[in-house]
Amino acid sequence: MDAEKRKALRNAFGTFMTGVTVVTTLDSAGTPQGFTANSFSSVSLDPALLLVSIDKRSANFATFTESRHFAINVLSAGQQETSNIFAQKIPDRFSLVDWVEADSGVPLLAGSSAWFECELWQVVDAGDHAILIGKVVEFESQGSAGLGYYRGAYFTAQHHMAQGVTA
């Protein structure tokens, strides 16, 4: 696909409103790693499975596809800066955010709307990405409004929720 068509496809995909997550794990040296992703979805309740995709060109690719555990942190409406930190190539991203260790050691970001601690269930080859399927071993939800992404920009439902507006 040529560059112009690829850009048009990306823009078309961008018409689907998504939530924003930061996916975290530990590398082989025990150093926290993470990236921003909006390609997150629940898969199954029994067993409890979810998925996220990762670009094969990502510097994090080997770490995440070889790790035994990872976490999905669903960002809250006030965490746009956190999303931007993990979307950039910043040497020590975790020094810029508050986080705690899950039982498996993977980082959980403070202030997230929800988090899911997962065991890596399967890695599925999917073109220029891989799909990480995780088995949820622990989770928590704060019930707070999440951070959304639509057509290349952030949005929140927080304002509408405060106004009592529903879909």
N, C-alpha and C. Protein backbone atom coordinates (compact mmCIF):
# COMPACT_ATOMS: atom_id res chain seq x y z
N MET A 1 0.85 -1.17 0.00
CA MET A 1 0.00 0.00 0.00
C MET A 1 0.89 1.24 0.00
N ASP A 2 0.59 2.21 -0.85
CA ASP A 2 1.42 3.41 -0.90
C ASP A 2 1.15 4.29 0.32
N ALA A 3 2.03 5.27 0.55
CA ALA A 3 1.98 6.11 1.74
C ALA A 3 0.67 6.89 1.86
N GLU A 4 0.17 7.39 0.74
CA GLU A 4 -1.06 8.17 0.76
C GLU A 4 -2.25 7.29 1.17
N LYS A 5 -2.33 6.10 0.60
CA LYS A 5 -3.42 5.18 0.92
C LYS A 5 -3.31 4.72 2.38
N ARG A 6 -2.08 4.49 2.84
CA ARG A 6 -1.85 4.08 4.23
C ARG A 6 -2.33 5.15 5.20
N LYS A 7 -2.03 6.43 4.88
CA LYS A 7 -2.47 7.54 5.72
C LYS A 7 -4.00 7.62 5.73
N ALA A 8 -4.63 7.44 4.57
CA ALA A 8 -6.09 7.48 4.47
C ALA A 8 -6.70 6.35 5.32
N LEU A 9 -6.09 5.16 5.28
CA LEU A 9 -6.59 4.05 6.07
C LEU A 9 -6.46 4.35 7.56
N ARG A 10 -5.33 4.90 7.95
CA ARG A 10 -5.13 5.26 9.37
C ARG A 10 -6.19 6.27 9.81
N ASN A 11 -6.46 7.26 8.96
CA ASN A 11 -7.49 8.25 9.28
C ASN A 11 -8.87 7.60 9.38
N ALA A 12 -9.16 6.65 8.50
CA ALA A 12 -10.44 5.95 8.57
C ALA A 12 -10.55 5.15 9.87
N PHE A 13 -9.47 4.46 10.26
CA PHE A 13 -9.47 3.75 11.54
C PHE A 13 -9.70 4.73 12.68
N GLY A 14 -9.16 5.95 12.55
CA GLY A 14 -9.27 6.97 13.59
C GLY A 14 -10.69 7.46 13.84
N THR A 15 -11.63 7.12 12.96
CA THR A 15 -13.01 7.53 13.18
C THR A 15 -13.69 6.67 14.26
N PHE A 16 -13.05 5.59 14.66
CA PHE A 16 -13.57 4.75 15.73
C PHE A 16 -13.04 5.29 17.05
N MET A 17 -13.93 5.76 17.91
CA MET A 17 -13.53 6.29 19.21
C MET A 17 -13.04 5.14 20.09
N THR A 18 -11.91 5.35 20.73
CA THR A 18 -11.36 4.32 21.60
C THR A 18 -10.96 4.92 22.94
N GLY A 19 -10.72 4.05 23.88
CA GLY A 19 -10.12 4.46 25.13
C GLY A 19 -8.61 4.47 24.96
N VAL A 20 -7.91 5.02 25.93
CA VAL A 20 -6.45 5.09 25.88
C VAL A 20 -5.89 4.29 27.05
N THR A 21 -4.92 3.45 26.74
CA THR A 21 -4.28 2.62 27.76
C THR A 21 -2.77 2.81 27.71
N VAL A 22 -2.12 2.44 28.79
CA VAL A 22 -0.67 2.27 28.80
C VAL A 22 -0.43 0.82 29.19
N VAL A 23 0.31 0.12 28.34
CA VAL A 23 0.63 -1.29 28.56
C VAL A 23 2.01 -1.33 29.21
N THR A 24 2.14 -2.09 30.30
CA THR A 24 3.39 -2.11 31.06
C THR A 24 3.87 -3.53 31.31
N THR A 25 5.17 -3.65 31.48
CA THR A 25 5.79 -4.93 31.84
C THR A 25 7.17 -4.65 32.41
N LEU A 26 7.92 -5.69 32.68
CA LEU A 26 9.33 -5.60 33.08
C LEU A 26 10.17 -6.27 32.02
N ASP A 27 11.32 -5.66 31.68
CA ASP A 27 12.21 -6.33 30.74
C ASP A 27 13.02 -7.39 31.47
N SER A 28 13.90 -8.07 30.78
CA SER A 28 14.66 -9.18 31.38
C SER A 28 15.57 -8.74 32.52
N ALA A 29 15.90 -7.44 32.58
CA ALA A 29 16.72 -6.92 33.67
C ALA A 29 15.86 -6.42 34.83
N GLY A 30 14.53 -6.51 34.70
CA GLY A 30 13.63 -6.05 35.75
C GLY A 30 13.30 -4.57 35.68
N THR A 31 13.62 -3.94 34.56
CA THR A 31 13.35 -2.52 34.37
C THR A 31 11.95 -2.33 33.79
N PRO A 32 11.14 -1.44 34.38
CA PRO A 32 9.79 -1.20 33.86
C PRO A 32 9.83 -0.66 32.43
N GLN A 33 8.91 -1.17 31.61
CA GLN A 33 8.75 -0.73 30.23
C GLN A 33 7.27 -0.48 29.98
N GLY A 34 6.97 0.41 29.02
CA GLY A 34 5.57 0.67 28.73
C GLY A 34 5.38 1.44 27.45
N PHE A 35 4.16 1.36 26.92
CA PHE A 35 3.80 2.12 25.72
C PHE A 35 2.32 2.45 25.75
N THR A 36 1.96 3.54 25.08
CA THR A 36 0.56 3.94 24.95
C THR A 36 -0.09 3.14 23.83
N ALA A 37 -1.32 2.68 24.08
CA ALA A 37 -2.04 1.92 23.06
C ALA A 37 -3.53 2.21 23.15
N ASN A 38 -4.18 2.28 22.01
CA ASN A 38 -5.63 2.37 22.01
C ASN A 38 -6.24 1.13 21.34
N SER A 39 -5.41 0.16 21.06
CA SER A 39 -5.86 -1.08 20.42
C SER A 39 -6.09 -2.16 21.47
N PHE A 40 -6.96 -1.88 22.41
CA PHE A 40 -7.25 -2.75 23.54
C PHE A 40 -8.70 -3.22 23.45
N SER A 41 -8.95 -4.48 23.81
CA SER A 41 -10.31 -4.98 23.80
C SER A 41 -10.44 -6.17 24.74
N SER A 42 -11.62 -6.31 25.32
CA SER A 42 -11.91 -7.54 26.05
C SER A 42 -12.13 -8.64 25.02
N VAL A 43 -11.84 -9.87 25.40
CA VAL A 43 -11.98 -11.00 24.49
C VAL A 43 -12.97 -12.02 25.05
N SER A 44 -12.80 -12.41 26.32
CA SER A 44 -13.58 -13.49 26.90
C SER A 44 -13.72 -13.29 28.40
N LEU A 45 -14.86 -13.72 28.94
CA LEU A 45 -15.03 -13.68 30.40
C LEU A 45 -14.62 -15.00 31.05
N ASP A 46 -14.71 -16.10 30.30
CA ASP A 46 -14.36 -17.41 30.86
C ASP A 46 -13.63 -18.24 29.82
N PRO A 47 -12.30 -18.26 29.84
CA PRO A 47 -11.45 -17.58 30.82
C PRO A 47 -11.41 -16.08 30.54
N ALA A 48 -11.01 -15.32 31.54
CA ALA A 48 -10.93 -13.86 31.41
C ALA A 48 -9.73 -13.51 30.54
N LEU A 49 -10.00 -13.07 29.30
CA LEU A 49 -8.95 -12.73 28.34
C LEU A 49 -9.17 -11.33 27.78
N LEU A 50 -8.08 -10.68 27.46
CA LEU A 50 -8.11 -9.39 26.79
C LEU A 50 -7.02 -9.37 25.74
N LEU A 51 -7.04 -8.33 24.90
CA LEU A 51 -5.98 -8.22 23.89
C LEU A 51 -5.55 -6.78 23.71
N VAL A 52 -4.34 -6.64 23.23
CA VAL A 52 -3.77 -5.35 22.83
C VAL A 52 -2.80 -5.66 21.70
N SER A 53 -2.64 -4.73 20.77
CA SER A 53 -1.68 -4.98 19.69
C SER A 53 -0.46 -4.10 19.86
N ILE A 54 0.66 -4.60 19.33
CA ILE A 54 1.93 -3.88 19.39
C ILE A 54 2.58 -3.93 18.02
N ASP A 55 3.11 -2.81 17.60
CA ASP A 55 3.80 -2.69 16.32
C ASP A 55 5.10 -3.49 16.38
N LYS A 56 5.36 -4.27 15.35
CA LYS A 56 6.59 -5.07 15.31
C LYS A 56 7.85 -4.21 15.23
N ARG A 57 7.70 -2.96 14.81
CA ARG A 57 8.86 -2.05 14.74
C ARG A 57 9.13 -1.35 16.07
N SER A 58 8.28 -1.57 17.05
CA SER A 58 8.43 -0.93 18.35
C SER A 58 9.70 -1.41 19.05
N ALA A 59 10.38 -0.50 19.72
CA ALA A 59 11.54 -0.86 20.53
C ALA A 59 11.14 -1.80 21.66
N ASN A 60 9.85 -1.80 22.01
CA ASN A 60 9.34 -2.66 23.08
C ASN A 60 8.88 -4.03 22.62
N PHE A 61 8.92 -4.29 21.32
CA PHE A 61 8.33 -5.50 20.77
C PHE A 61 8.86 -6.78 21.43
N ALA A 62 10.15 -6.98 21.44
CA ALA A 62 10.73 -8.21 22.01
C ALA A 62 10.40 -8.34 23.49
N THR A 63 10.50 -7.24 24.22
CA THR A 63 10.22 -7.27 25.65
C THR A 63 8.81 -7.75 25.93
N PHE A 64 7.83 -7.20 25.21
CA PHE A 64 6.43 -7.56 25.47
C PHE A 64 6.06 -8.94 24.95
N THR A 65 6.62 -9.36 23.84
CA THR A 65 6.25 -10.68 23.31
C THR A 65 6.97 -11.81 24.04
N GLU A 66 8.02 -11.50 24.79
CA GLU A 66 8.76 -12.51 25.53
C GLU A 66 8.47 -12.50 27.03
N SER A 67 7.78 -11.46 27.50
CA SER A 67 7.47 -11.34 28.92
C SER A 67 6.38 -12.31 29.32
N ARG A 68 6.41 -12.77 30.54
CA ARG A 68 5.37 -13.69 31.04
C ARG A 68 4.16 -12.93 31.56
N HIS A 69 4.35 -11.67 31.96
CA HIS A 69 3.28 -10.87 32.54
C HIS A 69 3.28 -9.46 31.94
N PHE A 70 2.11 -8.88 31.86
CA PHE A 70 1.99 -7.47 31.49
C PHE A 70 0.72 -6.93 32.12
N ALA A 71 0.58 -5.61 32.09
CA ALA A 71 -0.62 -4.97 32.63
C ALA A 71 -1.16 -3.97 31.61
N ILE A 72 -2.47 -3.84 31.61
CA ILE A 72 -3.14 -2.81 30.85
C ILE A 72 -3.66 -1.80 31.87
N ASN A 73 -3.25 -0.55 31.71
CA ASN A 73 -3.71 0.53 32.56
C ASN A 73 -4.64 1.40 31.73
N VAL A 74 -5.94 1.40 32.05
CA VAL A 74 -6.91 2.21 31.33
C VAL A 74 -6.82 3.63 31.92
N LEU A 75 -6.37 4.57 31.11
CA LEU A 75 -6.12 5.91 31.63
C LEU A 75 -7.42 6.64 31.94
N SER A 76 -7.37 7.45 33.00
CA SER A 76 -8.51 8.26 33.39
C SER A 76 -8.50 9.57 32.63
N ALA A 77 -9.59 10.29 32.72
CA ALA A 77 -9.76 11.54 31.97
C ALA A 77 -8.63 12.54 32.21
N GLY A 78 -8.03 12.52 33.38
CA GLY A 78 -6.97 13.48 33.70
C GLY A 78 -5.56 13.01 33.38
N GLN A 79 -5.41 11.92 32.64
CA GLN A 79 -4.08 11.36 32.41
C GLN A 79 -3.57 11.54 30.98
N GLN A 80 -3.94 12.60 30.33
CA GLN A 80 -3.45 12.86 28.97
C GLN A 80 -1.93 12.99 28.96
N GLU A 81 -1.36 13.64 29.96
CA GLU A 81 0.10 13.78 30.03
C GLU A 81 0.78 12.41 30.14
N THR A 82 0.18 11.52 30.91
CA THR A 82 0.73 10.16 31.04
C THR A 82 0.71 9.46 29.68
N SER A 83 -0.38 9.60 28.95
CA SER A 83 -0.46 9.02 27.62
C SER A 83 0.66 9.55 26.73
N ASN A 84 0.86 10.85 26.76
CA ASN A 84 1.91 11.47 25.93
C ASN A 84 3.30 11.00 26.34
N ILE A 85 3.55 10.84 27.62
CA ILE A 85 4.85 10.36 28.10
C ILE A 85 5.16 8.98 27.51
N PHE A 86 4.18 8.09 27.56
CA PHE A 86 4.41 6.72 27.10
C PHE A 86 4.31 6.56 25.59
N ALA A 87 3.86 7.61 24.90
CA ALA A 87 3.80 7.60 23.44
C ALA A 87 5.10 8.12 22.83
N GLN A 88 5.98 8.69 23.65
CA GLN A 88 7.23 9.26 23.17
C GLN A 88 8.42 8.40 23.59
N LYS A 89 9.54 8.68 22.96
CA LYS A 89 10.78 7.97 23.31
C LYS A 89 11.50 8.76 24.40
N ILE A 90 11.06 8.57 25.62
CA ILE A 90 11.63 9.23 26.80
C ILE A 90 12.38 8.15 27.56
N PRO A 91 13.66 8.40 27.90
CA PRO A 91 14.49 7.36 28.52
C PRO A 91 13.90 6.70 29.77
N ASP A 92 13.45 7.46 30.76
CA ASP A 92 12.94 6.87 31.99
C ASP A 92 11.52 7.38 32.25
N ARG A 93 10.59 6.86 31.47
CA ARG A 93 9.20 7.30 31.57
C ARG A 93 8.62 7.12 32.96
N PHE A 94 9.01 6.05 33.63
CA PHE A 94 8.42 5.73 34.92
C PHE A 94 8.83 6.69 36.03
N SER A 95 9.91 7.44 35.82
CA SER A 95 10.30 8.44 36.82
C SER A 95 9.38 9.66 36.75
N LEU A 96 8.56 9.75 35.71
CA LEU A 96 7.68 10.90 35.51
C LEU A 96 6.23 10.64 35.94
N VAL A 97 5.93 9.41 36.37
CA VAL A 97 4.57 9.05 36.78
C VAL A 97 4.60 8.29 38.10
N ASP A 98 3.47 8.29 38.80
CA ASP A 98 3.35 7.50 40.03
C ASP A 98 2.88 6.10 39.66
N TRP A 99 3.50 5.10 40.24
CA TRP A 99 3.13 3.72 39.95
C TRP A 99 3.48 2.83 41.13
N VAL A 100 2.88 1.65 41.13
CA VAL A 100 3.16 0.62 42.14
C VAL A 100 3.37 -0.69 41.41
N GLU A 101 3.95 -1.66 42.11
CA GLU A 101 4.15 -2.98 41.53
C GLU A 101 2.96 -3.89 41.81
N ALA A 102 2.55 -4.60 40.79
CA ALA A 102 1.54 -5.65 40.96
C ALA A 102 2.22 -6.86 41.60
N ASP A 103 1.45 -7.87 41.94
CA ASP A 103 2.02 -9.09 42.53
C ASP A 103 3.09 -9.70 41.63
N SER A 104 2.90 -9.60 40.31
CA SER A 104 3.87 -10.16 39.37
C SER A 104 5.07 -9.25 39.16
N GLY A 105 5.02 -8.04 39.73
CA GLY A 105 6.11 -7.07 39.56
C GLY A 105 5.84 -6.04 38.49
N VAL A 106 4.87 -6.27 37.61
CA VAL A 106 4.61 -5.31 36.53
C VAL A 106 4.08 -4.01 37.10
N PRO A 107 4.41 -2.89 36.46
CA PRO A 107 3.95 -1.59 36.95
C PRO A 107 2.46 -1.37 36.72
N LEU A 108 1.81 -0.80 37.75
CA LEU A 108 0.43 -0.36 37.67
C LEU A 108 0.44 1.15 37.89
N LEU A 109 -0.15 1.90 36.98
CA LEU A 109 -0.11 3.35 37.04
C LEU A 109 -1.17 3.90 37.98
N ALA A 110 -0.73 4.72 38.93
CA ALA A 110 -1.65 5.35 39.87
C ALA A 110 -2.61 6.28 39.13
N GLY A 111 -3.84 6.31 39.58
CA GLY A 111 -4.82 7.21 38.99
C GLY A 111 -5.55 6.67 37.77
N SER A 112 -5.22 5.46 37.35
CA SER A 112 -5.90 4.87 36.19
C SER A 112 -7.35 4.56 36.54
N SER A 113 -8.21 4.61 35.52
CA SER A 113 -9.62 4.26 35.71
C SER A 113 -9.75 2.79 36.09
N ALA A 114 -8.92 1.96 35.48
CA ALA A 114 -8.90 0.53 35.77
C ALA A 114 -7.55 -0.02 35.36
N TRP A 115 -7.20 -1.17 35.92
CA TRP A 115 -6.00 -1.88 35.48
C TRP A 115 -6.29 -3.37 35.47
N PHE A 116 -5.56 -4.05 34.61
CA PHE A 116 -5.68 -5.50 34.45
C PHE A 116 -4.28 -6.08 34.46
N GLU A 117 -3.99 -6.92 35.44
CA GLU A 117 -2.71 -7.64 35.50
C GLU A 117 -2.92 -8.96 34.77
N CYS A 118 -2.03 -9.26 33.82
CA CYS A 118 -2.24 -10.42 32.95
C CYS A 118 -1.02 -11.32 32.86
N GLU A 119 -1.29 -12.60 32.64
CA GLU A 119 -0.27 -13.55 32.19
C GLU A 119 -0.37 -13.58 30.67
N LEU A 120 0.76 -13.62 30.00
CA LEU A 120 0.72 -13.71 28.54
C LEU A 120 0.14 -15.06 28.14
N TRP A 121 -0.98 -15.06 27.45
CA TRP A 121 -1.70 -16.26 27.04
C TRP A 121 -1.24 -16.71 25.66
N GLN A 122 -1.14 -15.73 24.73
CA GLN A 122 -0.77 -16.06 23.35
C GLN A 122 -0.31 -14.80 22.63
N VAL A 123 0.62 -14.98 21.69
CA VAL A 123 1.04 -13.90 20.78
C VAL A 123 0.61 -14.34 19.39
N VAL A 124 -0.17 -13.50 18.74
CA VAL A 124 -0.70 -13.82 17.42
C VAL A 124 -0.08 -12.88 16.39
N ASP A 125 0.53 -13.44 15.36
CA ASP A 125 1.09 -12.63 14.29
C ASP A 125 -0.06 -11.97 13.52
N ALA A 126 0.06 -10.67 13.27
CA ALA A 126 -1.01 -9.94 12.60
C ALA A 126 -0.42 -8.83 11.72
N GLY A 127 0.18 -9.21 10.60
CA GLY A 127 0.74 -8.23 9.68
C GLY A 127 1.91 -7.49 10.29
N ASP A 128 1.84 -6.15 10.31
CA ASP A 128 2.95 -5.37 10.86
C ASP A 128 2.83 -5.21 12.39
N HIS A 129 1.85 -5.87 12.99
CA HIS A 129 1.66 -5.87 14.44
C HIS A 129 1.60 -7.31 14.95
N ALA A 130 1.65 -7.44 16.25
CA ALA A 130 1.36 -8.71 16.91
C ALA A 130 0.25 -8.42 17.92
N ILE A 131 -0.60 -9.39 18.13
CA ILE A 131 -1.66 -9.27 19.11
C ILE A 131 -1.23 -10.03 20.36
N LEU A 132 -1.19 -9.31 21.47
CA LEU A 132 -0.88 -9.93 22.76
C LEU A 132 -2.21 -10.27 23.42
N ILE A 133 -2.44 -11.54 23.67
CA ILE A 133 -3.64 -11.95 24.39
C ILE A 133 -3.20 -12.28 25.81
N GLY A 134 -3.84 -11.63 26.76
CA GLY A 134 -3.50 -11.83 28.15
C GLY A 134 -4.63 -12.46 28.94
N LYS A 135 -4.27 -13.34 29.86
CA LYS A 135 -5.24 -13.91 30.80
C LYS A 135 -5.23 -13.04 32.05
N VAL A 136 -6.37 -12.47 32.36
CA VAL A 136 -6.47 -11.56 33.51
C VAL A 136 -6.34 -12.36 34.80
N VAL A 137 -5.35 -11.99 35.62
CA VAL A 137 -5.16 -12.67 36.90
C VAL A 137 -5.60 -11.80 38.06
N GLU A 138 -5.65 -10.49 37.83
CA GLU A 138 -6.12 -9.55 38.85
C GLU A 138 -6.54 -8.28 38.13
N PHE A 139 -7.48 -7.55 38.71
CA PHE A 139 -7.92 -6.30 38.12
C PHE A 139 -8.54 -5.42 39.19
N GLU A 140 -8.66 -4.15 38.85
CA GLU A 140 -9.33 -3.20 39.73
C GLU A 140 -9.90 -2.08 38.87
N SER A 141 -11.09 -1.62 39.24
CA SER A 141 -11.71 -0.51 38.54
C SER A 141 -12.10 0.57 39.53
N GLN A 142 -11.72 1.80 39.22
CA GLN A 142 -12.04 2.93 40.08
C GLN A 142 -13.41 3.52 39.76
N GLY A 143 -13.94 3.20 38.59
CA GLY A 143 -15.22 3.75 38.19
C GLY A 143 -15.15 5.19 37.70
N SER A 144 -13.94 5.70 37.51
CA SER A 144 -13.78 7.08 37.05
C SER A 144 -13.85 7.14 35.52
N ALA A 145 -14.15 8.32 35.01
CA ALA A 145 -14.24 8.52 33.56
C ALA A 145 -12.89 8.26 32.91
N GLY A 146 -12.92 7.60 31.76
CA GLY A 146 -11.70 7.28 31.04
C GLY A 146 -11.31 8.35 30.04
N LEU A 147 -10.08 8.24 29.56
CA LEU A 147 -9.55 9.12 28.53
C LEU A 147 -9.83 8.49 27.18
N GLY A 148 -10.37 9.27 26.26
CA GLY A 148 -10.69 8.76 24.94
C GLY A 148 -9.80 9.33 23.86
N TYR A 149 -9.86 8.71 22.68
CA TYR A 149 -9.08 9.14 21.53
C TYR A 149 -9.95 9.02 20.29
N TYR A 150 -9.98 10.11 19.49
CA TYR A 150 -10.82 10.15 18.30
C TYR A 150 -10.20 11.08 17.27
N ARG A 151 -9.95 10.56 16.07
CA ARG A 151 -9.40 11.35 14.96
C ARG A 151 -8.14 12.13 15.35
N GLY A 152 -7.25 11.45 16.07
CA GLY A 152 -5.96 12.05 16.40
C GLY A 152 -5.97 13.01 17.58
N ALA A 153 -7.07 13.04 18.34
CA ALA A 153 -7.14 13.97 19.48
C ALA A 153 -7.77 13.27 20.69
N TYR A 154 -7.42 13.74 21.86
CA TYR A 154 -8.00 13.23 23.10
C TYR A 154 -9.38 13.83 23.33
N PHE A 155 -10.23 13.08 24.03
CA PHE A 155 -11.51 13.59 24.49
C PHE A 155 -11.88 12.87 25.76
N THR A 156 -12.82 13.43 26.52
CA THR A 156 -13.31 12.75 27.70
C THR A 156 -14.83 12.84 27.74
N ALA A 157 -15.43 11.88 28.36
CA ALA A 157 -16.87 11.89 28.59
C ALA A 157 -17.17 12.53 29.93
N GLN A 158 -16.14 12.91 30.66
CA GLN A 158 -16.27 13.45 32.00
C GLN A 158 -17.22 14.64 32.03
N HIS A 159 -17.07 15.56 31.09
CA HIS A 159 -17.92 16.74 31.05
C HIS A 159 -19.38 16.34 30.85
N HIS A 160 -19.63 15.43 29.93
CA HIS A 160 -20.99 15.00 29.66
C HIS A 160 -21.58 14.26 30.86
N MET A 161 -20.75 13.49 31.54
CA MET A 161 -21.22 12.76 32.72
C MET A 161 -21.60 13.75 33.82
N ALA A 162 -20.81 14.81 34.00
CA ALA A 162 -21.09 15.82 35.03
C ALA A 162 -22.39 16.56 34.71
N GLN A 163 -22.71 16.70 33.43
CA GLN A 163 -23.93 17.38 32.99
C GLN A 163 -25.14 16.45 33.02
N GLY A 164 -24.93 15.16 33.27
CA GLY A 164 -26.02 14.21 33.26
C GLY A 164 -26.43 13.78 31.86
N VAL A 165 -25.58 14.04 30.88
CA VAL A 165 -25.87 13.67 29.49
C VAL A 165 -25.50 12.20 29.29
N THR A 166 -26.38 11.42 28.73
CA THR A 166 -26.09 10.02 28.46
C THR A 166 -26.38 9.72 27.01
N ALA A 167 -25.85 8.61 26.55
CA ALA A 167 -26.06 8.22 25.15
C ALA A 167 -27.42 7.63 24.94
